[in-house]
PDB file of all heavy atoms in Angstrom:
ATOM      1  N   PHE A   1     -23.739   4.917 -80.057  1.00  0.00           N
ATOM      2  CA  PHE A   1     -24.252   3.887 -79.167  1.00  0.00           C
ATOM      3  C   PHE A   1     -25.372   3.151 -79.866  1.00  0.00           C
ATOM      4  O   PHE A   1     -26.293   3.778 -80.398  1.00  0.00           O
ATOM      5  CB  PHE A   1     -24.762   4.516 -77.873  1.00  0.00           C
ATOM      6  CG  PHE A   1     -25.060   3.518 -76.792  1.00  0.00           C
ATOM      7  CD1 PHE A   1     -24.027   3.000 -76.028  1.00  0.00           C
ATOM      8  CD2 PHE A   1     -26.352   3.090 -76.543  1.00  0.00           C
ATOM      9  CE1 PHE A   1     -24.289   2.071 -75.013  1.00  0.00           C
ATOM     10  CE2 PHE A   1     -26.614   2.167 -75.545  1.00  0.00           C
ATOM     11  CZ  PHE A   1     -25.579   1.658 -74.783  1.00  0.00           C
ATOM     12  N   GLU A   2     -25.286   1.852 -79.903  1.00  0.00           N
ATOM     13  CA  GLU A   2     -26.338   1.010 -80.475  1.00  0.00           C
ATOM     14  C   GLU A   2     -26.694   1.382 -81.916  1.00  0.00           C
ATOM     15  O   GLU A   2     -27.831   1.698 -82.243  1.00  0.00           O
ATOM     16  CB  GLU A   2     -27.594   1.062 -79.610  1.00  0.00           C
ATOM     17  CG  GLU A   2     -27.401   0.447 -78.246  1.00  0.00           C
ATOM     18  CD  GLU A   2     -28.675   0.497 -77.423  1.00  0.00           C
ATOM     19  OE1 GLU A   2     -29.716   0.974 -77.922  1.00  0.00           O
ATOM     20  OE2 GLU A   2     -28.620   0.062 -76.279  1.00  0.00           O
ATOM     21  N   GLN A   3     -25.694   1.352 -82.791  1.00  0.00           N
ATOM     22  CA  GLN A   3     -25.963   1.605 -84.205  1.00  0.00           C
ATOM     23  C   GLN A   3     -26.832   0.493 -84.773  1.00  0.00           C
ATOM     24  O   GLN A   3     -26.525  -0.674 -84.624  1.00  0.00           O
ATOM     25  CB  GLN A   3     -24.646   1.691 -84.990  1.00  0.00           C
ATOM     26  CG  GLN A   3     -23.783   2.882 -84.635  1.00  0.00           C
ATOM     27  CD  GLN A   3     -22.785   2.591 -83.539  1.00  0.00           C
ATOM     28  OE1 GLN A   3     -22.930   1.620 -82.804  1.00  0.00           O
ATOM     29  NE2 GLN A   3     -21.766   3.417 -83.410  1.00  0.00           N
ATOM     30  N   HIS A   4     -27.903   0.866 -85.436  1.00  0.00           N
ATOM     31  CA  HIS A   4     -28.820  -0.092 -86.047  1.00  0.00           C
ATOM     32  C   HIS A   4     -28.781   0.077 -87.567  1.00  0.00           C
ATOM     33  O   HIS A   4     -27.735  -0.062 -88.168  1.00  0.00           O
ATOM     34  CB  HIS A   4     -30.221   0.075 -85.463  1.00  0.00           C
ATOM     35  CG  HIS A   4     -30.322  -0.372 -84.039  1.00  0.00           C
ATOM     36  ND1 HIS A   4     -31.359  -0.039 -83.200  1.00  0.00           N
ATOM     37  CD2 HIS A   4     -29.484  -1.137 -83.286  1.00  0.00           C
ATOM     38  CE1 HIS A   4     -31.169  -0.575 -81.995  1.00  0.00           C
ATOM     39  NE2 HIS A   4     -30.038  -1.242 -82.030  1.00  0.00           N
ATOM     40  N   GLY A   5     -29.905   0.371 -88.205  1.00  0.00           N
ATOM     41  CA  GLY A   5     -29.923   0.465 -89.659  1.00  0.00           C
ATOM     42  C   GLY A   5     -29.230   1.706 -90.188  1.00  0.00           C
ATOM     43  O   GLY A   5     -29.178   2.751 -89.527  1.00  0.00           O
ATOM     44  N   ALA A   6     -28.704   1.601 -91.417  1.00  0.00           N
ATOM     45  CA  ALA A   6     -28.035   2.729 -92.073  1.00  0.00           C
ATOM     46  C   ALA A   6     -28.368   2.703 -93.562  1.00  0.00           C
ATOM     47  O   ALA A   6     -28.715   1.655 -94.118  1.00  0.00           O
ATOM     48  CB  ALA A   6     -26.527   2.671 -91.865  1.00  0.00           C
ATOM     49  N   ALA A   7     -28.238   3.867 -94.223  1.00  0.00           N
ATOM     50  CA  ALA A   7     -28.532   3.934 -95.663  1.00  0.00           C
ATOM     51  C   ALA A   7     -27.728   5.054 -96.309  1.00  0.00           C
ATOM     52  O   ALA A   7     -27.636   6.171 -95.772  1.00  0.00           O
ATOM     53  CB  ALA A   7     -30.020   4.163 -95.901  1.00  0.00           C
ATOM     54  N   TRP A   8     -27.141   4.743 -97.476  1.00  0.00           N
ATOM     55  CA  TRP A   8     -26.406   5.715 -98.269  1.00  0.00           C
ATOM     56  C   TRP A   8     -27.366   6.461 -99.194  1.00  0.00           C
ATOM     57  O   TRP A   8     -28.341   5.901 -99.694  1.00  0.00           O
ATOM     58  CB  TRP A   8     -25.355   5.029 -99.125  1.00  0.00           C
ATOM     59  CG  TRP A   8     -24.260   4.320 -98.388  1.00  0.00           C
ATOM     60  CD1 TRP A   8     -24.284   3.038 -97.901  1.00  0.00           C
ATOM     61  CD2 TRP A   8     -22.970   4.840 -98.068  1.00  0.00           C
ATOM     62  NE1 TRP A   8     -23.084   2.738 -97.297  1.00  0.00           N
ATOM     63  CE2 TRP A   8     -22.253   3.823 -97.384  1.00  0.00           C
ATOM     64  CE3 TRP A   8     -22.336   6.071 -98.295  1.00  0.00           C
ATOM     65  CZ2 TRP A   8     -20.956   3.995 -96.933  1.00  0.00           C
ATOM     66  CZ3 TRP A   8     -21.036   6.243 -97.846  1.00  0.00           C
ATOM     67  CH2 TRP A   8     -20.355   5.219 -97.170  1.00  0.00           C
ATOM     68  N   ALA A   9     -27.035   7.746 -99.480  1.00  0.00           N
ATOM     69  CA  ALA A   9     -27.790   8.524-100.465  1.00  0.00           C
ATOM     70  C   ALA A   9     -27.046   9.836-100.709  1.00  0.00           C
ATOM     71  O   ALA A   9     -26.400  10.370 -99.804  1.00  0.00           O
ATOM     72  CB  ALA A   9     -29.205   8.815 -99.986  1.00  0.00           C
ATOM     73  N   ASP A  10     -27.146  10.356-101.918  1.00  0.00           N
ATOM     74  CA  ASP A  10     -26.600  11.672-102.228  1.00  0.00           C
ATOM     75  C   ASP A  10     -27.666  12.707-101.897  1.00  0.00           C
ATOM     76  O   ASP A  10     -28.369  13.203-102.772  1.00  0.00           O
ATOM     77  CB  ASP A  10     -26.195  11.737-103.700  1.00  0.00           C
ATOM     78  CG  ASP A  10     -25.579  13.073-104.093  1.00  0.00           C
ATOM     79  OD1 ASP A  10     -25.313  13.893-103.184  1.00  0.00           O
ATOM     80  OD2 ASP A  10     -25.389  13.310-105.299  1.00  0.00           O
ATOM     81  N   PHE A  11     -27.791  13.050-100.619  1.00  0.00           N
ATOM     82  CA  PHE A  11     -28.905  13.885-100.166  1.00  0.00           C
ATOM     83  C   PHE A  11     -28.795  15.316-100.685  1.00  0.00           C
ATOM     84  O   PHE A  11     -29.810  16.013-100.853  1.00  0.00           O
ATOM     85  CB  PHE A  11     -28.973  13.885 -98.630  1.00  0.00           C
ATOM     86  CG  PHE A  11     -28.130  14.936 -97.975  1.00  0.00           C
ATOM     87  CD1 PHE A  11     -28.695  16.126 -97.521  1.00  0.00           C
ATOM     88  CD2 PHE A  11     -26.758  14.764 -97.831  1.00  0.00           C
ATOM     89  CE1 PHE A  11     -27.917  17.105 -96.929  1.00  0.00           C
ATOM     90  CE2 PHE A  11     -25.978  15.729 -97.234  1.00  0.00           C
ATOM     91  CZ  PHE A  11     -26.550  16.908 -96.781  1.00  0.00           C
ATOM     92  N   ASP A  12     -27.568  15.800-100.925  1.00  0.00           N
ATOM     93  CA  ASP A  12     -27.372  17.194-101.322  1.00  0.00           C
ATOM     94  C   ASP A  12     -27.064  17.360-102.806  1.00  0.00           C
ATOM     95  O   ASP A  12     -26.698  18.451-103.258  1.00  0.00           O
ATOM     96  CB  ASP A  12     -26.260  17.836-100.489  1.00  0.00           C
ATOM     97  CG  ASP A  12     -24.984  17.001-100.448  1.00  0.00           C
ATOM     98  OD1 ASP A  12     -24.930  15.970-101.162  1.00  0.00           O
ATOM     99  OD2 ASP A  12     -24.060  17.359 -99.706  1.00  0.00           O
ATOM    100  N   ASN A  13     -27.205  16.278-103.580  1.00  0.00           N
ATOM    101  CA  ASN A  13     -27.024  16.330-105.031  1.00  0.00           C
ATOM    102  C   ASN A  13     -25.668  16.894-105.441  1.00  0.00           C
ATOM    103  O   ASN A  13     -25.558  17.600-106.455  1.00  0.00           O
ATOM    104  CB  ASN A  13     -28.144  17.158-105.681  1.00  0.00           C
ATOM    105  CG  ASN A  13     -29.515  16.550-105.506  1.00  0.00           C
ATOM    106  OD1 ASN A  13     -29.657  15.344-105.285  1.00  0.00           O
ATOM    107  ND2 ASN A  13     -30.555  17.376-105.580  1.00  0.00           N
ATOM    108  N   ASP A  14     -24.611  16.548-104.691  1.00  0.00           N
ATOM    109  CA  ASP A  14     -23.282  17.042-105.037  1.00  0.00           C
ATOM    110  C   ASP A  14     -22.429  15.984-105.731  1.00  0.00           C
ATOM    111  O   ASP A  14     -21.238  16.195-105.976  1.00  0.00           O
ATOM    112  CB  ASP A  14     -22.554  17.568-103.804  1.00  0.00           C
ATOM    113  CG  ASP A  14     -22.231  16.475-102.788  1.00  0.00           C
ATOM    114  OD1 ASP A  14     -22.751  15.338-102.936  1.00  0.00           O
ATOM    115  OD2 ASP A  14     -21.479  16.746-101.837  1.00  0.00           O
ATOM    116  N   GLY A  15     -23.022  14.814-106.029  1.00  0.00           N
ATOM    117  CA  GLY A  15     -22.326  13.794-106.795  1.00  0.00           C
ATOM    118  C   GLY A  15     -21.656  12.715-105.990  1.00  0.00           C
ATOM    119  O   GLY A  15     -21.111  11.766-106.569  1.00  0.00           O
ATOM    120  N   ASP A  16     -21.662  12.811-104.648  1.00  0.00           N
ATOM    121  CA  ASP A  16     -21.129  11.714-103.837  1.00  0.00           C
ATOM    122  C   ASP A  16     -22.172  11.270-102.824  1.00  0.00           C
ATOM    123  O   ASP A  16     -23.133  11.984-102.528  1.00  0.00           O
ATOM    124  CB  ASP A  16     -19.808  12.095-103.146  1.00  0.00           C
ATOM    125  CG  ASP A  16     -19.935  13.341-102.273  1.00  0.00           C
ATOM    126  OD1 ASP A  16     -21.016  13.574-101.703  1.00  0.00           O
ATOM    127  OD2 ASP A  16     -18.939  14.087-102.157  1.00  0.00           O
ATOM    128  N   GLN A  17     -21.985  10.053-102.307  1.00  0.00           N
ATOM    129  CA  GLN A  17     -22.986   9.474-101.416  1.00  0.00           C
ATOM    130  C   GLN A  17     -22.660   9.777 -99.951  1.00  0.00           C
ATOM    131  O   GLN A  17     -21.510   9.664 -99.518  1.00  0.00           O
ATOM    132  CB  GLN A  17     -23.070   7.963-101.636  1.00  0.00           C
ATOM    133  CG  GLN A  17     -23.643   7.587-102.990  1.00  0.00           C
ATOM    134  CD  GLN A  17     -23.984   6.117-103.091  1.00  0.00           C
ATOM    135  OE1 GLN A  17     -23.539   5.313-102.307  1.00  0.00           O
ATOM    136  NE2 GLN A  17     -24.791   5.775-104.081  1.00  0.00           N
ATOM    137  N   ASP A  18     -23.702  10.141 -99.226  1.00  0.00           N
ATOM    138  CA  ASP A  18     -23.618  10.397 -97.802  1.00  0.00           C
ATOM    139  C   ASP A  18     -24.314   9.265 -97.062  1.00  0.00           C
ATOM    140  O   ASP A  18     -24.945   8.401 -97.676  1.00  0.00           O
ATOM    141  CB  ASP A  18     -24.263  11.758 -97.496  1.00  0.00           C
ATOM    142  CG  ASP A  18     -23.780  12.842 -98.457  1.00  0.00           C
ATOM    143  OD1 ASP A  18     -22.625  13.266 -98.328  1.00  0.00           O
ATOM    144  OD2 ASP A  18     -24.554  13.229 -99.348  1.00  0.00           O
ATOM    145  N   LEU A  19     -24.245   9.260 -95.740  1.00  0.00           N
ATOM    146  CA  LEU A  19     -24.729   8.103 -94.977  1.00  0.00           C
ATOM    147  C   LEU A  19     -25.443   8.551 -93.718  1.00  0.00           C
ATOM    148  O   LEU A  19     -24.921   9.365 -92.951  1.00  0.00           O
ATOM    149  CB  LEU A  19     -23.547   7.206 -94.601  1.00  0.00           C
ATOM    150  CG  LEU A  19     -23.863   5.964 -93.764  1.00  0.00           C
ATOM    151  CD1 LEU A  19     -24.492   4.881 -94.645  1.00  0.00           C
ATOM    152  CD2 LEU A  19     -22.613   5.418 -93.096  1.00  0.00           C
ATOM    153  N   ILE A  20     -26.638   8.005 -93.490  1.00  0.00           N
ATOM    154  CA  ILE A  20     -27.305   8.198 -92.205  1.00  0.00           C
ATOM    155  C   ILE A  20     -27.278   6.890 -91.441  1.00  0.00           C
ATOM    156  O   ILE A  20     -27.602   5.830 -91.986  1.00  0.00           O
ATOM    157  CB  ILE A  20     -28.742   8.727 -92.372  1.00  0.00           C
ATOM    158  CG1 ILE A  20     -29.323   9.060 -90.992  1.00  0.00           C
ATOM    159  CG2 ILE A  20     -29.636   7.752 -93.137  1.00  0.00           C
ATOM    160  CD1 ILE A  20     -30.599   9.869 -91.044  1.00  0.00           C
ATOM    161  N   GLN A  21     -26.837   6.957 -90.181  1.00  0.00           N
ATOM    162  CA  GLN A  21     -26.761   5.804 -89.291  1.00  0.00           C
ATOM    163  C   GLN A  21     -27.737   6.023 -88.143  1.00  0.00           C
ATOM    164  O   GLN A  21     -27.608   6.968 -87.373  1.00  0.00           O
ATOM    165  CB  GLN A  21     -25.340   5.645 -88.750  1.00  0.00           C
ATOM    166  CG  GLN A  21     -25.179   4.635 -87.626  1.00  0.00           C
ATOM    167  CD  GLN A  21     -25.419   3.205 -88.079  1.00  0.00           C
ATOM    168  OE1 GLN A  21     -24.632   2.645 -88.822  1.00  0.00           O
ATOM    169  NE2 GLN A  21     -26.517   2.612 -87.622  1.00  0.00           N
ATOM    170  N   ILE A  22     -28.732   5.127 -88.043  1.00  0.00           N
ATOM    171  CA  ILE A  22     -29.746   5.262 -87.000  1.00  0.00           C
ATOM    172  C   ILE A  22     -29.256   4.591 -85.716  1.00  0.00           C
ATOM    173  O   ILE A  22     -28.669   3.510 -85.741  1.00  0.00           O
ATOM    174  CB  ILE A  22     -31.078   4.640 -87.461  1.00  0.00           C
ATOM    175  CG1 ILE A  22     -31.504   5.261 -88.788  1.00  0.00           C
ATOM    176  CG2 ILE A  22     -32.153   4.847 -86.402  1.00  0.00           C
ATOM    177  CD1 ILE A  22     -31.624   6.763 -88.774  1.00  0.00           C
ATOM    178  N   VAL A  23     -29.527   5.245 -84.578  1.00  0.00           N
ATOM    179  CA  VAL A  23     -29.023   4.798 -83.285  1.00  0.00           C
ATOM    180  C   VAL A  23     -30.192   4.426 -82.381  1.00  0.00           C
ATOM    181  O   VAL A  23     -31.239   5.088 -82.381  1.00  0.00           O
ATOM    182  CB  VAL A  23     -28.160   5.897 -82.636  1.00  0.00           C
ATOM    183  CG1 VAL A  23     -27.727   5.506 -81.224  1.00  0.00           C
ATOM    184  CG2 VAL A  23     -26.931   6.174 -83.501  1.00  0.00           C
ATOM    185  N   GLY A  24     -30.020   3.363 -81.594  1.00  0.00           N
ATOM    186  CA  GLY A  24     -31.056   2.890 -80.684  1.00  0.00           C
ATOM    187  C   GLY A  24     -31.235   3.778 -79.468  1.00  0.00           C
ATOM    188  O   GLY A  24     -30.497   4.744 -79.264  1.00  0.00           O
ATOM    189  N   GLY A  25     -32.209   3.421 -78.634  1.00  0.00           N
ATOM    190  CA  GLY A  25     -32.578   4.269 -77.505  1.00  0.00           C
ATOM    191  C   GLY A  25     -31.902   3.937 -76.203  1.00  0.00           C
ATOM    192  O   GLY A  25     -32.399   4.320 -75.140  1.00  0.00           O
ATOM    193  N   GLY A  26     -30.779   3.252 -76.208  1.00  0.00           N
ATOM    194  CA  GLY A  26     -30.075   2.980 -74.954  1.00  0.00           C
ATOM    195  C   GLY A  26     -30.897   2.158 -73.991  1.00  0.00           C
ATOM    196  O   GLY A  26     -31.343   2.655 -72.954  1.00  0.00           O
ATOM    197  N   LEU A  27     -31.101   0.868 -74.339  1.00  0.00           N
ATOM    198  CA  LEU A  27     -31.911  -0.047 -73.523  1.00  0.00           C
ATOM    199  C   LEU A  27     -33.316   0.500 -73.301  1.00  0.00           C
ATOM    200  O   LEU A  27     -33.896   0.368 -72.230  1.00  0.00           O
ATOM    201  CB  LEU A  27     -31.219  -0.325 -72.187  1.00  0.00           C
ATOM    202  CG  LEU A  27     -29.756  -0.782 -72.296  1.00  0.00           C
ATOM    203  CD1 LEU A  27     -29.215  -1.123 -70.920  1.00  0.00           C
ATOM    204  CD2 LEU A  27     -29.632  -1.977 -73.221  1.00  0.00           C
ATOM    205  N   GLU A  28     -33.848   1.178 -74.338  1.00  0.00           N
ATOM    206  CA  GLU A  28     -35.215   1.690 -74.385  1.00  0.00           C
ATOM    207  C   GLU A  28     -35.448   2.923 -73.519  1.00  0.00           C
ATOM    208  O   GLU A  28     -36.542   3.458 -73.464  1.00  0.00           O
ATOM    209  CB  GLU A  28     -36.232   0.602 -73.984  1.00  0.00           C
ATOM    210  CG  GLU A  28     -36.158  -0.634 -74.851  1.00  0.00           C
ATOM    211  CD  GLU A  28     -37.186  -1.679 -74.466  1.00  0.00           C
ATOM    212  OE1 GLU A  28     -37.906  -1.472 -73.487  1.00  0.00           O
ATOM    213  OE2 GLU A  28     -37.271  -2.692 -75.176  1.00  0.00           O
TER     214      GLU A  28
END
């Protein structure tokens, strides 16, 4: 619900990129 900013990164150092998707607060 309400996907906003996102960013790729290899957080676990396993050689591939993972993704965090930040979600809004549902009309605050």
